Structure formats: structure tokens, C-alpha cells
Amino acid sequence: MPQPDFFSRVLDLVAHIPYGRVTTYGHLARAVGSAGSARTVGWVLSGATASGLPCHRVVNRFGALSGAQHFPSPTFMEDALRSEGVTFDDEGCVRLDRHLWVPGDDIKPV
């Protein structure tokens, strides 16, 4: 089980996802030092969608909007991303080759 501060470290990183970019559950898990915890990241974010954080900018490893059911409407996540200029492929997945943000060494979780 992740450390108690895992939750706050994940949420801190989510706050830093740039406008018009997305990251994945796995990238967040790796960035907080728990590479095998992508599903736990998803669980953390499912309870934070009303927090004001840009949780809509977190997608699965294929760019699919797997967390969409946790938002106010089925299209909220896609609509929010499209309003930021994020583009999708023919299968409805975010174009990760254009919009992926990988948390770097310049951002240190608290």
C-alpha cells in the first residue's frame, strides 16, 4: 500500500499538469515513486474530480478517457479537453504524441 502522503503527492502533480496537455495514471505513479500504483492514482483522482484540480487531464496509457464516469456528465472530460485544444484520434483517444506531459525533475512533489 502506498505511503499516506501518496495521495497529496499525486494531487500536487495533477495541479501542475499544463493547460492543453494530459498525463497518464502510470506517469503520475512513477513520478511519485510508486510505479506499480497506476490504479491507485485512478482511485485517488476519482474522489477529487470536484476539487477544482484539472483531473480531466489524466488519461489511461492509451489516451482513453477511462475516468470519465467520475465527472458531472459523460462528456465533461472530453468537452473540457477539447476546449483546451486537445485533439483525439478516430477511436476517441487523446493524441498522446501531441499532448502528453510527463512530470519531470523540475517539478518535485511535496
Foldseek 3Di string as FASTA:
>chain_A
DDDPCLLQLLLQVLQVQDQLAAEELQLSCVQVPRNVCSVVSLVSLLVCQPVPGPSLRYPHPQQASVSCVSDPDNCVSVVRNVVSVFDADPVGGTPCVPHYDRDDPVDHGD
